[in-house]
Structures are given as structure tokens and as C-alpha cells.
Amino acid sequence: MDIEIPALVRDAAARLGAGAPYALKAVAGQLTDDPELGVPSRLPGIRTVLVDGELFEDCPSLTVGYLHEPDRIEIRYVTLAPAAEQDDVQEAEPERELPAVPDVTAVTAVTVREVADAWHRITRRLRDNAPDSYAALRTGADLAAVAALESELGVRIPVELTVLWLLTAGDDGVDGRGCLPGNRALLPLDAVAAVYRLKTEAQAHLDSAYAGHPEEERITVWRPGWIPVAADSPADRVSGLYLDTETGFLGRWSRYDDHTDDERDTLVTYLEETADALEAPALAPRDEPGLIGGTLVWRSAVDPAREGRWRRLAALGSE
């Protein structure tokens, strides 16, 4: 049985404690002997193993998620175990803390794989070419945090966004730049909640102000099913992208609500297009990736004062 541990997962383990990489290898060894060691999660195809941190020096209790296929196992993520499970980590119980996702279907399983694969392609390029931007990415959220956010918003979080947050819980950025096209940055979960509250309150004020007006005169700047995903700047979260949970498409929000509806990407296609652009910059259809030192800087976000330092990112395989 082949056990694959992507470099991104190894790096995430290293950030969780000096002993975490060894614990991850130990889990991989156990899975070689017993692929059914873990318990099914509510993410289709993903099983999880709880690791007792007390068994390893300088290692917290961990949740390890893996994909089991007939001839291989791929460890998909490693996060801190939810606190409620750390007290009894030896017991193989279903993960009560995992947020609700749509029913398990072949389409959902494909979505899980597509998001994970696209994000791994993105982070591999960052790790190899833009180490500062790579270091700014946060480790994956634990399952309890995603469930708590879902409860706070009162909106079911789509499976594609759940998977992304399990892989990374936000982007702190470098010099005000995130890693997505236009140097947008994935929002940390607390910022997702803050933006959602702010925009919901703004809509409530408008609804009150236009309560006596005909429907066609009312203004809509926010809907309950919109979930903020990325900000145009890590430090300035007044505009960015949201995911419409009803349509599955991304849209834009802004301070002055002057957004357009030209972002007709799903989260999956947006991530895949970003990965494609990083691997083949010359073919990027919207924005060209480049570097200033160890930071990824997309062409549209280059400061004129620093344009002389900007260089195009080499295509994959040409470095």
C-alpha cells in the first residue's frame, strides 16, 4: 500500500510542533498495516485518525485526514484535534465537530479532490518560488472552528469552502499582498465572520430605510447566503470576493457597493485557474504572476515605484 504525504501536509505538521512530523510518519506506518484505522468523516472519501500528543515529544493532539483508495492512501491534511476530542483521543468516534456538508455523492467527492489538488498546486509553486508568500499562509482550521463559524453565520458552508479552510485558514500576506490574483488574500475565519456581520447590518439598514418603497426601488448589497472568501488586501477588508451558496459562483463586494457581476467563477474554477496561471504564467488569461524577492506579486498589483524589481515567474519546469 503506497502512502503519500504531500509536501504541504509535511510543512503544516512542522508548524504544529517539533514532534508532529514524526507523529505523522507514525500514522503513515500504521495506515500501511491497517488502511481502515481511521473513522469516516462527513467529507466524502475522507477518513480521520486522532493522534494522542502525549505519545510524542513536543507534539499536540492531532487530527489526520486521509483519502483511502484501492492501491494508495494520500494524507490530505493534519490539524490540531478539537479540544473536546483531545481528552479521549484513543477512542475512535465519528467526528461530531465536522460541519454539515451536502449528501455524499460522486459529484461531491470530485469537488473535494478538485479543491485539494488545485490548492496543492498553488502552494507547491509558492513554496518553491515565493517562500515569503508561502510562509504567510495559515495552517488549516480545525473542524470545530469551521463548525462554529457555520453556526455563527447561520449558513451552510459549501463543501468546497470547507475543504479549502481545512487546508488553510487564511493568508496574512506580505507587504499588504495576498497570494491570489490581484494579490487578494484568503480571509481568516474571524474576518469572514466580521465582514459577514458588517455587510448584513448594512443590508438591514437599507431594508429599513426603503421599507415603504416598491420592490424595484430597493437596494440589495448583501444576501444571507453570501459568504466572504477573500479580501482585496490582507490589511484592508473593505472589498473582495464572496461565495454565493445558492448559485455556487463567486461575486464581488466593496465599500461603495460598486461591484460588478463579472466574476462568474466557481471556487473550484477560480483555484484551478490560479494554479494554471502559476504553472504557465504566459498563458494566464487575467493577471500575470511575478516575483519581488520572495514575494508573489501579480502584475495588476505592482507598485510603480517597485516595478523595476518585479520579474516574471518562470513557467513550471523551466526554472
C-alpha atoms as a PDB file:
ATOM      1  CA  MET A   1       0.000   0.000   0.000  1.00  0.00           C
ATOM      2  CA  ASP A   2       1.517   3.317  -1.115  1.00  0.00           C
ATOM      3  CA  ILE A   3       1.249   6.159   1.408  1.00  0.00           C
ATOM      4  CA  GLU A   4       1.572   9.686   0.014  1.00  0.00           C
ATOM      5  CA  ILE A   5       2.224  12.689   2.239  1.00  0.00           C
ATOM      6  CA  PRO A   6       2.246  15.893   0.130  1.00  0.00           C
ATOM      7  CA  ALA A   7       4.906  18.467   0.958  1.00  0.00           C
ATOM      8  CA  LEU A   8       2.209  20.928   2.028  1.00  0.00           C
ATOM      9  CA  VAL A   9       0.967  18.472   4.660  1.00  0.00           C
ATOM     10  CA  ARG A  10       4.526  17.862   5.897  1.00  0.00           C
ATOM     11  CA  ASP A  11       5.042  21.611   6.197  1.00  0.00           C
ATOM     12  CA  ALA A  12       1.757  22.009   8.067  1.00  0.00           C
ATOM     13  CA  ALA A  13       2.808  19.299  10.521  1.00  0.00           C
ATOM     14  CA  ALA A  14       6.157  21.015  11.134  1.00  0.00           C
ATOM     15  CA  ARG A  15       4.336  24.204  12.115  1.00  0.00           C
ATOM     16  CA  LEU A  16       2.279  22.362  14.726  1.00  0.00           C
ATOM     17  CA  GLY A  17       5.252  21.199  16.804  1.00  0.00           C
ATOM     18  CA  ALA A  18       8.715  19.678  16.503  1.00  0.00           C
ATOM     19  CA  GLY A  19       7.308  16.208  17.169  1.00  0.00           C
ATOM     20  CA  ALA A  20       4.349  16.472  14.801  1.00  0.00           C
ATOM     21  CA  PRO A  21       6.215  15.351  11.638  1.00  0.00           C
ATOM     22  CA  TYR A  22       7.365  12.203  13.439  1.00  0.00           C
ATOM     23  CA  ALA A  23       3.800  11.566  14.628  1.00  0.00           C
ATOM     24  CA  LEU A  24       2.593  11.966  11.048  1.00  0.00           C
ATOM     25  CA  LYS A  25       5.120   9.372   9.863  1.00  0.00           C
ATOM     26  CA  ALA A  26       3.987   7.043  12.630  1.00  0.00           C
ATOM     27  CA  VAL A  27       0.383   7.367  11.452  1.00  0.00           C
ATOM     28  CA  ALA A  28       1.515   6.642   7.880  1.00  0.00           C
ATOM     29  CA  GLY A  29       3.191   3.462   9.110  1.00  0.00           C
ATOM     30  CA  GLN A  30       0.036   2.382  10.918  1.00  0.00           C
ATOM     31  CA  LEU A  31      -2.065   3.035   7.822  1.00  0.00           C
ATOM     32  CA  THR A  32       0.242   0.805   5.792  1.00  0.00           C
ATOM     33  CA  ASP A  33      -0.728  -2.070   8.053  1.00  0.00           C
ATOM     34  CA  ASP A  34      -4.347  -1.041   8.597  1.00  0.00           C
ATOM     35  CA  PRO A  35      -5.876   1.291   5.956  1.00  0.00           C
ATOM     36  CA  GLU A  36      -9.186   1.204   7.831  1.00  0.00           C
ATOM     37  CA  LEU A  37      -7.588   2.570  11.001  1.00  0.00           C
ATOM     38  CA  GLY A  38      -9.449   5.868  10.798  1.00  0.00           C
ATOM     39  CA  VAL A  39     -13.140   6.597  11.121  1.00  0.00           C
ATOM     40  CA  PRO A  40     -15.322   8.010   8.317  1.00  0.00           C
ATOM     41  CA  SER A  41     -15.765  11.757   8.377  1.00  0.00           C
ATOM     42  CA  ARG A  42     -18.679  13.614   6.836  1.00  0.00           C
ATOM     43  CA  LEU A  43     -16.423  14.689   3.981  1.00  0.00           C
ATOM     44  CA  PRO A  44     -16.889  12.051   1.280  1.00  0.00           C
ATOM     45  CA  GLY A  45     -13.994   9.622   0.947  1.00  0.00           C
ATOM     46  CA  ILE A  46     -12.049  11.121   3.855  1.00  0.00           C
ATOM     47  CA  ARG A  47     -11.257   9.088   6.974  1.00  0.00           C
ATOM     48  CA  THR A  48      -9.618  10.574  10.061  1.00  0.00           C
ATOM     49  CA  VAL A  49      -7.238   9.377  12.745  1.00  0.00           C
ATOM     50  CA  LEU A  50      -6.847  11.056  16.133  1.00  0.00           C
ATOM     51  CA  VAL A  51      -3.261  11.200  17.452  1.00  0.00           C
ATOM     52  CA  ASP A  52      -2.583  11.391  21.189  1.00  0.00           C
ATOM     53  CA  GLY A  53       0.028  14.135  21.552  1.00  0.00           C
ATOM     54  CA  GLU A  54       1.233  12.709  24.860  1.00  0.00           C
ATOM     55  CA  LEU A  55       2.734   9.767  22.996  1.00  0.00           C
ATOM     56  CA  PHE A  56       5.181  12.039  21.153  1.00  0.00           C
ATOM     57  CA  GLU A  57       7.559  14.659  22.475  1.00  0.00           C
ATOM     58  CA  ASP A  58       6.661  18.269  21.604  1.00  0.00           C
ATOM     59  CA  CYS A  59       3.505  17.268  19.741  1.00  0.00           C
ATOM     60  CA  PRO A  60      -0.089  18.380  20.352  1.00  0.00           C
ATOM     61  CA  SER A  61      -3.032  16.066  19.807  1.00  0.00           C
ATOM     62  CA  LEU A  62      -3.743  15.935  16.084  1.00  0.00           C
ATOM     63  CA  THR A  63      -6.447  15.073  13.587  1.00  0.00           C
ATOM     64  CA  VAL A  64      -5.070  13.451  10.426  1.00  0.00           C
ATOM     65  CA  GLY A  65      -7.378  13.201   7.407  1.00  0.00           C
ATOM     66  CA  TYR A  66      -6.631  10.767   4.610  1.00  0.00           C
ATOM     67  CA  LEU A  67      -8.099   9.513   1.355  1.00  0.00           C
ATOM     68  CA  HIS A  68      -8.183   5.727   1.025  1.00  0.00           C
ATOM     69  CA  GLU A  69      -8.201   4.300  -2.494  1.00  0.00           C
ATOM     70  CA  PRO A  70      -7.736   0.641  -3.511  1.00  0.00           C
ATOM     71  CA  ASP A  71      -3.981   0.891  -4.147  1.00  0.00           C
ATOM     72  CA  ARG A  72      -2.944   4.049  -2.340  1.00  0.00           C
ATOM     73  CA  ILE A  73      -3.534   6.320   0.621  1.00  0.00           C
ATOM     74  CA  GLU A  74      -2.992  10.068   0.462  1.00  0.00           C
ATOM     75  CA  ILE A  75      -2.841  12.041   3.691  1.00  0.00           C
ATOM     76  CA  ARG A  76      -4.822  15.176   2.874  1.00  0.00           C
ATOM     77  CA  TYR A  77      -4.459  17.332   5.977  1.00  0.00           C
ATOM     78  CA  VAL A  78      -3.230  17.490   9.555  1.00  0.00           C
ATOM     79  CA  THR A  79      -4.718  19.899  12.109  1.00  0.00           C
ATOM     80  CA  LEU A  80      -4.958  20.326  15.849  1.00  0.00           C
ATOM     81  CA  ALA A  81      -7.508  17.914  17.279  1.00  0.00           C
ATOM     82  CA  PRO A  82     -10.679  19.634  18.524  1.00  0.00           C
ATOM     83  CA  ALA A  83     -10.407  20.223  22.269  1.00  0.00           C
ATOM     84  CA  ALA A  84     -13.467  18.104  23.015  1.00  0.00           C
ATOM     85  CA  GLU A  85     -11.731  15.071  21.493  1.00  0.00           C
ATOM     86  CA  GLN A  86      -8.273  15.583  22.974  1.00  0.00           C
ATOM     87  CA  ASP A  87      -9.396  14.329  26.385  1.00  0.00           C
ATOM     88  CA  ASP A  88     -10.214  10.906  24.969  1.00  0.00           C
ATOM     89  CA  VAL A  89      -8.189  10.729  21.795  1.00  0.00           C
ATOM     90  CA  GLN A  90      -7.787   6.960  21.945  1.00  0.00           C
ATOM     91  CA  GLU A  91     -11.472   6.302  21.247  1.00  0.00           C
ATOM     92  CA  ALA A  92     -12.356   6.030  17.566  1.00  0.00           C
ATOM     93  CA  GLU A  93     -15.527   8.096  17.463  1.00  0.00           C
ATOM     94  CA  PRO A  94     -17.097   9.828  14.477  1.00  0.00           C
ATOM     95  CA  GLU A  95     -16.105  13.487  14.261  1.00  0.00           C
ATOM     96  CA  ARG A  96     -19.059  15.267  15.790  1.00  0.00           C
ATOM     97  CA  GLU A  97     -17.444  18.655  15.202  1.00  0.00           C
ATOM     98  CA  LEU A  98     -17.253  18.458  11.398  1.00  0.00           C
ATOM     99  CA  PRO A  99     -19.598  20.982   9.791  1.00  0.00           C
ATOM    100  CA  ALA A 100     -22.587  19.820   7.811  1.00  0.00           C
ATOM    101  CA  VAL A 101     -21.893  19.208   4.121  1.00  0.00           C
ATOM    102  CA  PRO A 102     -24.186  18.127   1.286  1.00  0.00           C
ATOM    103  CA  ASP A 103     -25.105  14.468   0.980  1.00  0.00           C
ATOM    104  CA  VAL A 104     -22.277  12.225  -0.131  1.00  0.00           C
ATOM    105  CA  THR A 105     -22.439  11.908  -3.908  1.00  0.00           C
ATOM    106  CA  ALA A 106     -19.955  11.251  -6.673  1.00  0.00           C
ATOM    107  CA  VAL A 107     -20.114  14.954  -7.586  1.00  0.00           C
ATOM    108  CA  THR A 108     -19.230  15.996  -4.027  1.00  0.00           C
ATOM    109  CA  ALA A 109     -16.303  13.546  -3.907  1.00  0.00           C
ATOM    110  CA  VAL A 110     -14.957  15.043  -7.129  1.00  0.00           C
ATOM    111  CA  THR A 111     -15.259  18.555  -5.658  1.00  0.00           C
ATOM    112  CA  VAL A 112     -13.213  17.546  -2.611  1.00  0.00           C
ATOM    113  CA  ARG A 113     -10.446  16.224  -4.831  1.00  0.00           C
ATOM    114  CA  GLU A 114     -10.546  19.225  -7.201  1.00  0.00           C
ATOM    115  CA  VAL A 115     -10.180  21.811  -4.414  1.00  0.00           C
ATOM    116  CA  ALA A 116      -7.401  19.899  -2.665  1.00  0.00           C
ATOM    117  CA  ASP A 117      -5.491  19.271  -5.885  1.00  0.00           C
ATOM    118  CA  ALA A 118      -5.760  22.896  -7.052  1.00  0.00           C
ATOM    119  CA  TRP A 119      -4.647  24.246  -3.673  1.00  0.00           C
ATOM    120  CA  HIS A 120      -1.698  21.846  -3.523  1.00  0.00           C
ATOM    121  CA  ARG A 121      -0.603  23.027  -6.982  1.00  0.00           C
ATOM    122  CA  ILE A 122      -0.791  26.650  -5.813  1.00  0.00           C
ATOM    123  CA  THR A 123       1.138  26.070  -2.602  1.00  0.00           C
ATOM    124  CA  ARG A 124       3.822  23.987  -4.320  1.00  0.00           C
ATOM    125  CA  ARG A 125       4.593  26.927  -6.587  1.00  0.00           C
ATOM    126  CA  LEU A 126       4.618  29.325  -3.638  1.00  0.00           C
ATOM    127  CA  ARG A 127       6.907  27.051  -1.626  1.00  0.00           C
ATOM    128  CA  ASP A 128       9.379  26.678  -4.495  1.00  0.00           C
ATOM    129  CA  ASN A 129       9.346  30.256  -5.820  1.00  0.00           C
ATOM    130  CA  ALA A 130       7.778  32.665  -3.314  1.00  0.00           C
ATOM    131  CA  PRO A 131       8.759  31.435   0.164  1.00  0.00           C
ATOM    132  CA  ASP A 132       7.664  34.643   1.890  1.00  0.00           C
ATOM    133  CA  SER A 133       4.151  34.323   0.475  1.00  0.00           C
ATOM    134  CA  TYR A 134       4.099  30.637   1.339  1.00  0.00           C
ATOM    135  CA  ALA A 135       5.072  31.360   4.949  1.00  0.00           C
ATOM    136  CA  ALA A 136       2.201  33.866   5.235  1.00  0.00           C
ATOM    137  CA  LEU A 137      -0.409  31.140   4.722  1.00  0.00           C
ATOM    138  CA  ARG A 138      -2.049  29.956   7.917  1.00  0.00           C
ATOM    139  CA  THR A 139      -2.345  26.283   8.768  1.00  0.00           C
ATOM    140  CA  GLY A 140      -5.669  24.583   8.218  1.00  0.00           C
ATOM    141  CA  ALA A 141      -8.568  25.310  10.526  1.00  0.00           C
ATOM    142  CA  ASP A 142      -9.651  22.607  12.930  1.00  0.00           C
ATOM    143  CA  LEU A 143     -13.049  21.120  12.306  1.00  0.00           C
ATOM    144  CA  ALA A 144     -14.599  22.654  15.403  1.00  0.00           C
ATOM    145  CA  ALA A 145     -13.676  26.165  14.213  1.00  0.00           C
ATOM    146  CA  VAL A 146     -15.365  25.662  10.848  1.00  0.00           C
ATOM    147  CA  ALA A 147     -18.457  24.251  12.560  1.00  0.00           C
ATOM    148  CA  ALA A 148     -18.545  27.222  14.947  1.00  0.00           C
ATOM    149  CA  LEU A 149     -18.333  29.664  12.038  1.00  0.00           C
ATOM    150  CA  GLU A 150     -21.161  27.890  10.244  1.00  0.00           C
ATOM    151  CA  SER A 151     -23.271  28.180  13.387  1.00  0.00           C
ATOM    152  CA  GLU A 152     -22.443  31.874  13.783  1.00  0.00           C
ATOM    153  CA  LEU A 153     -23.319  32.723  10.179  1.00  0.00           C
ATOM    154  CA  GLY A 154     -26.392  30.538  10.142  1.00  0.00           C
ATOM    155  CA  VAL A 155     -25.479  29.474   6.612  1.00  0.00           C
ATOM    156  CA  ARG A 156     -24.494  26.008   5.451  1.00  0.00           C
ATOM    157  CA  ILE A 157     -20.871  26.203   4.320  1.00  0.00           C
ATOM    158  CA  PRO A 158     -20.433  24.506   0.920  1.00  0.00           C
ATOM    159  CA  VAL A 159     -18.132  21.506   0.773  1.00  0.00           C
ATOM    160  CA  GLU A 160     -15.603  23.269  -1.470  1.00  0.00           C
ATOM    161  CA  LEU A 161     -15.128  26.066   1.064  1.00  0.00           C
ATOM    162  CA  THR A 162     -14.955  23.598   3.961  1.00  0.00           C
ATOM    163  CA  VAL A 163     -12.170  21.683   2.212  1.00  0.00           C
ATOM    164  CA  LEU A 164     -10.234  24.884   1.468  1.00  0.00           C
ATOM    165  CA  TRP A 165     -10.419  26.013   5.098  1.00  0.00           C
ATOM    166  CA  LEU A 166      -9.229  22.593   6.265  1.00  0.00           C
ATOM    167  CA  LEU A 167      -6.152  23.163   4.114  1.00  0.00           C
ATOM    168  CA  THR A 168      -5.535  26.779   5.097  1.00  0.00           C
ATOM    169  CA  ALA A 169      -7.357  29.107   7.486  1.00  0.00           C
ATOM    170  CA  GLY A 170      -6.349  32.372   5.819  1.00  0.00           C
ATOM    171  CA  ASP A 171      -3.490  34.369   4.350  1.00  0.00           C
ATOM    172  CA  ASP A 172      -1.694  37.016   6.459  1.00  0.00           C
ATOM    173  CA  GLY A 173       0.012  38.386   3.343  1.00  0.00           C
ATOM    174  CA  VAL A 174       3.393  40.005   2.782  1.00  0.00           C
ATOM    175  CA  ASP A 175       3.699  43.801   2.497  1.00  0.00           C
ATOM    176  CA  GLY A 176      -0.059  44.025   2.090  1.00  0.00           C
ATOM    177  CA  ARG A 177      -0.200  41.374  -0.622  1.00  0.00           C
ATOM    178  CA  GLY A 178      -2.007  38.052  -0.596  1.00  0.00           C
ATOM    179  CA  CYS A 179      -1.244  35.192  -2.952  1.00  0.00           C
ATOM    180  CA  LEU A 180      -4.383  35.128  -5.126  1.00  0.00           C
ATOM    181  CA  PRO A 181      -4.705  37.033  -8.443  1.00  0.00           C
ATOM    182  CA  GLY A 182      -4.647  40.772  -7.872  1.00  0.00           C
ATOM    183  CA  ASN A 183      -2.840  39.879  -4.625  1.00  0.00           C
ATOM    184  CA  ARG A 184      -6.114  39.180  -2.913  1.00  0.00           C
ATOM    185  CA  ALA A 185      -5.844  37.276   0.355  1.00  0.00           C
ATOM    186  CA  LEU A 186      -7.960  34.467   1.758  1.00  0.00           C
ATOM    187  CA  LEU A 187      -9.781  35.775   4.813  1.00  0.00           C
ATOM    188  CA  PRO A 188      -9.088  34.222   8.234  1.00  0.00           C
ATOM    189  CA  LEU A 189     -12.230  32.747   9.765  1.00  0.00           C
ATOM    190  CA  ASP A 190     -12.672  35.575  12.281  1.00  0.00           C
ATOM    191  CA  ALA A 191     -12.525  38.086   9.423  1.00  0.00           C
ATOM    192  CA  VAL A 192     -15.105  36.065   7.476  1.00  0.00           C
ATOM    193  CA  ALA A 193     -17.486  36.450  10.410  1.00  0.00           C
ATOM    194  CA  ALA A 194     -16.682  40.164  10.837  1.00  0.00           C
ATOM    195  CA  VAL A 195     -17.262  41.017   7.172  1.00  0.00           C
ATOM    196  CA  TYR A 196     -20.478  38.972   7.123  1.00  0.00           C
ATOM    197  CA  ARG A 197     -21.804  40.858  10.165  1.00  0.00           C
ATOM    198  CA  LEU A 198     -20.860  44.240   8.713  1.00  0.00           C
ATOM    199  CA  LYS A 199     -22.492  43.608   5.353  1.00  0.00           C
ATOM    200  CA  THR A 200     -25.586  42.043   6.927  1.00  0.00           C
ATOM    201  CA  GLU A 201     -26.032  45.106   9.142  1.00  0.00           C
ATOM    202  CA  ALA A 202     -25.632  47.395   6.125  1.00  0.00           C
ATOM    203  CA  GLN A 203     -28.370  45.484   4.298  1.00  0.00           C
ATOM    204  CA  ALA A 204     -30.633  45.662   7.351  1.00  0.00           C
ATOM    205  CA  HIS A 205     -30.271  49.475   7.426  1.00  0.00           C
ATOM    206  CA  LEU A 206     -31.161  49.672   3.733  1.00  0.00           C
ATOM    207  CA  ASP A 207     -34.155  47.385   4.191  1.00  0.00           C
ATOM    208  CA  SER A 208     -35.389  49.650   6.985  1.00  0.00           C
ATOM    209  CA  ALA A 209     -34.799  52.840   5.003  1.00  0.00           C
ATOM    210  CA  TYR A 210     -36.607  51.512   1.910  1.00  0.00           C
ATOM    211  CA  ALA A 211     -39.339  49.615   3.728  1.00  0.00           C
ATOM    212  CA  GLY A 212     -42.133  51.715   2.172  1.00  0.00           C
ATOM    213  CA  HIS A 213     -40.704  51.732  -1.349  1.00  0.00           C
ATOM    214  CA  PRO A 214     -41.716  49.488  -4.248  1.00  0.00           C
ATOM    215  CA  GLU A 215     -39.655  46.318  -4.642  1.00  0.00           C
ATOM    216  CA  GLU A 216     -37.917  47.608  -7.787  1.00  0.00           C
ATOM    217  CA  GLU A 217     -36.565  50.630  -5.877  1.00  0.00           C
ATOM    218  CA  ARG A 218     -34.999  48.647  -3.054  1.00  0.00           C
ATOM    219  CA  ILE A 219     -31.246  48.208  -2.915  1.00  0.00           C
ATOM    220  CA  THR A 220     -29.553  44.892  -2.255  1.00  0.00           C
ATOM    221  CA  VAL A 221     -25.895  44.967  -1.222  1.00  0.00           C
ATOM    222  CA  TRP A 222     -25.804  41.661   0.644  1.00  0.00           C
ATOM    223  CA  ARG A 223     -27.751  38.419   0.806  1.00  0.00           C
ATOM    224  CA  PRO A 224     -27.799  35.910   3.691  1.00  0.00           C
ATOM    225  CA  GLY A 225     -26.329  33.161   1.501  1.00  0.00           C
ATOM    226  CA  TRP A 226     -23.178  35.094   0.593  1.00  0.00           C
ATOM    227  CA  ILE A 227     -20.012  34.043   2.449  1.00  0.00           C
ATOM    228  CA  PRO A 228     -16.905  36.298   2.292  1.00  0.00           C
ATOM    229  CA  VAL A 229     -13.911  34.353   0.981  1.00  0.00           C
ATOM    230  CA  ALA A 230     -11.089  36.730   0.022  1.00  0.00           C
ATOM    231  CA  ALA A 231     -10.210  40.388   0.573  1.00  0.00           C
ATOM    232  CA  ASP A 232      -8.574  42.655  -1.992  1.00  0.00           C
ATOM    233  CA  SER A 233      -5.855  43.318   0.602  1.00  0.00           C
ATOM    234  CA  PRO A 234      -4.878  41.419   3.768  1.00  0.00           C
ATOM    235  CA  ALA A 235      -4.953  44.597   5.855  1.00  0.00           C
ATOM    236  CA  ASP A 236      -7.903  46.383   4.219  1.00  0.00           C
ATOM    237  CA  ARG A 237     -11.020  44.229   4.152  1.00  0.00           C
ATOM    238  CA  VAL A 238     -13.474  46.650   2.607  1.00  0.00           C
ATOM    239  CA  SER A 239     -13.726  44.827  -0.726  1.00  0.00           C
ATOM    240  CA  GLY A 240     -13.198  41.344  -2.027  1.00  0.00           C
ATOM    241  CA  LEU A 241     -14.893  38.136  -3.161  1.00  0.00           C
ATOM    242  CA  TYR A 242     -17.797  36.240  -1.667  1.00  0.00           C
ATOM    243  CA  LEU A 243     -19.188  32.790  -2.476  1.00  0.00           C
ATOM    244  CA  ASP A 244     -22.904  32.705  -3.277  1.00  0.00           C
ATOM    245  CA  THR A 245     -24.086  29.496  -1.630  1.00  0.00           C
ATOM    246  CA  GLU A 246     -27.234  29.405  -3.758  1.00  0.00           C
ATOM    247  CA  THR A 247     -25.566  29.621  -7.179  1.00  0.00           C
ATOM    248  CA  GLY A 248     -22.053  28.381  -6.339  1.00  0.00           C
ATOM    249  CA  PHE A 249     -20.491  31.391  -8.081  1.00  0.00           C
ATOM    250  CA  LEU A 250     -18.087  33.978  -6.722  1.00  0.00           C
ATOM    251  CA  GLY A 251     -19.090  37.633  -6.666  1.00  0.00           C
ATOM    252  CA  ARG A 252     -17.588  40.919  -5.517  1.00  0.00           C
ATOM    253  CA  TRP A 253     -18.385  43.155  -2.594  1.00  0.00           C
ATOM    254  CA  SER A 254     -16.959  46.617  -1.960  1.00  0.00           C
ATOM    255  CA  ARG A 255     -17.276  49.555   0.414  1.00  0.00           C
ATOM    256  CA  TYR A 256     -19.328  51.577  -2.048  1.00  0.00           C
ATOM    257  CA  ASP A 257     -21.153  48.545  -3.441  1.00  0.00           C
ATOM    258  CA  ASP A 258     -19.857  49.415  -6.889  1.00  0.00           C
ATOM    259  CA  HIS A 259     -19.096  45.777  -7.600  1.00  0.00           C
ATOM    260  CA  THR A 260     -19.871  44.141 -10.913  1.00  0.00           C
ATOM    261  CA  ASP A 261     -21.084  40.635 -11.607  1.00  0.00           C
ATOM    262  CA  ASP A 262     -18.234  39.644 -13.936  1.00  0.00           C
ATOM    263  CA  GLU A 263     -16.682  37.124 -11.508  1.00  0.00           C
ATOM    264  CA  ARG A 264     -18.598  34.131 -12.844  1.00  0.00           C
ATOM    265  CA  ASP A 265     -16.166  31.583 -11.442  1.00  0.00           C
ATOM    266  CA  THR A 266     -16.948  28.832  -9.020  1.00  0.00           C
ATOM    267  CA  LEU A 267     -14.439  28.478  -6.202  1.00  0.00           C
ATOM    268  CA  VAL A 268     -13.077  25.358  -7.914  1.00  0.00           C
ATOM    269  CA  THR A 269     -12.540  27.036 -11.286  1.00  0.00           C
ATOM    270  CA  TYR A 270     -11.049  30.107  -9.592  1.00  0.00           C
ATOM    271  CA  LEU A 271      -8.475  27.997  -7.746  1.00  0.00           C
ATOM    272  CA  GLU A 272      -7.737  25.878 -10.801  1.00  0.00           C
ATOM    273  CA  GLU A 273      -7.228  28.967 -12.962  1.00  0.00           C
ATOM    274  CA  THR A 274      -4.912  30.427 -10.318  1.00  0.00           C
ATOM    275  CA  ALA A 275      -2.888  27.206 -10.268  1.00  0.00           C
ATOM    276  CA  ASP A 276      -2.751  27.179 -14.083  1.00  0.00           C
ATOM    277  CA  ALA A 277      -1.509  30.784 -14.113  1.00  0.00           C
ATOM    278  CA  LEU A 278       1.263  29.996 -11.632  1.00  0.00           C
ATOM    279  CA  GLU A 279       2.399  26.975 -13.638  1.00  0.00           C
ATOM    280  CA  ALA A 280       2.150  28.653 -17.066  1.00  0.00           C
ATOM    281  CA  PRO A 281       2.364  32.433 -16.467  1.00  0.00           C
ATOM    282  CA  ALA A 282       2.495  33.346 -20.152  1.00  0.00           C
ATOM    283  CA  LEU A 283      -0.932  31.781 -20.646  1.00  0.00           C
ATOM    284  CA  ALA A 284      -2.582  33.496 -17.665  1.00  0.00           C
ATOM    285  CA  PRO A 285      -5.819  34.992 -19.056  1.00  0.00           C
ATOM    286  CA  ARG A 286      -6.459  37.735 -16.473  1.00  0.00           C
ATOM    287  CA  ASP A 287      -3.381  38.574 -14.425  1.00  0.00           C
ATOM    288  CA  GLU A 288       0.291  37.659 -14.709  1.00  0.00           C
ATOM    289  CA  PRO A 289       2.184  36.325 -11.691  1.00  0.00           C
ATOM    290  CA  GLY A 290       5.658  37.571 -10.862  1.00  0.00           C
ATOM    291  CA  LEU A 291       8.105  37.982  -8.010  1.00  0.00           C
ATOM    292  CA  ILE A 292       9.646  40.753  -5.961  1.00  0.00           C
ATOM    293  CA  GLY A 293      12.226  38.945  -3.887  1.00  0.00           C
ATOM    294  CA  GLY A 294      10.489  36.048  -2.184  1.00  0.00           C
ATOM    295  CA  THR A 295       7.004  37.514  -2.546  1.00  0.00           C
ATOM    296  CA  LEU A 296       4.435  36.656  -5.197  1.00  0.00           C
ATOM    297  CA  VAL A 297       3.253  39.883  -6.830  1.00  0.00           C
ATOM    298  CA  TRP A 298       0.630  39.787  -9.560  1.00  0.00           C
ATOM    299  CA  ARG A 299       1.186  42.260 -12.397  1.00  0.00           C
ATOM    300  CA  SER A 300      -2.027  44.200 -11.712  1.00  0.00           C
ATOM    301  CA  ALA A 301      -0.824  44.946  -8.170  1.00  0.00           C
ATOM    302  CA  VAL A 302       2.732  46.067  -8.908  1.00  0.00           C
ATOM    303  CA  ASP A 303       3.600  49.361  -7.222  1.00  0.00           C
ATOM    304  CA  PRO A 304       5.092  51.665  -9.915  1.00  0.00           C
ATOM    305  CA  ALA A 305       7.923  52.536  -7.531  1.00  0.00           C
ATOM    306  CA  ARG A 306       8.901  48.853  -7.366  1.00  0.00           C
ATOM    307  CA  GLU A 307       8.189  47.851 -10.952  1.00  0.00           C
ATOM    308  CA  GLY A 308      11.904  47.695 -11.714  1.00  0.00           C
ATOM    309  CA  ARG A 309      12.304  44.899  -9.166  1.00  0.00           C
ATOM    310  CA  TRP A 310       9.409  42.848 -10.499  1.00  0.00           C
ATOM    311  CA  ARG A 311      10.273  39.794 -12.606  1.00  0.00           C
ATOM    312  CA  ARG A 312       8.022  37.349 -14.313  1.00  0.00           C
ATOM    313  CA  LEU A 313       7.514  33.994 -12.678  1.00  0.00           C
ATOM    314  CA  ALA A 314       9.149  31.244 -14.695  1.00  0.00           C
ATOM    315  CA  ALA A 315       6.926  28.541 -16.135  1.00  0.00           C
ATOM    316  CA  LEU A 316       6.821  25.225 -14.333  1.00  0.00           C
ATOM    317  CA  GLY A 317       9.711  23.049 -15.461  1.00  0.00           C
ATOM    318  CA  SER A 318      11.780  25.940 -16.833  1.00  0.00           C
ATOM    319  CA  GLU A 319      13.444  27.001 -13.570  1.00  0.00           C
END
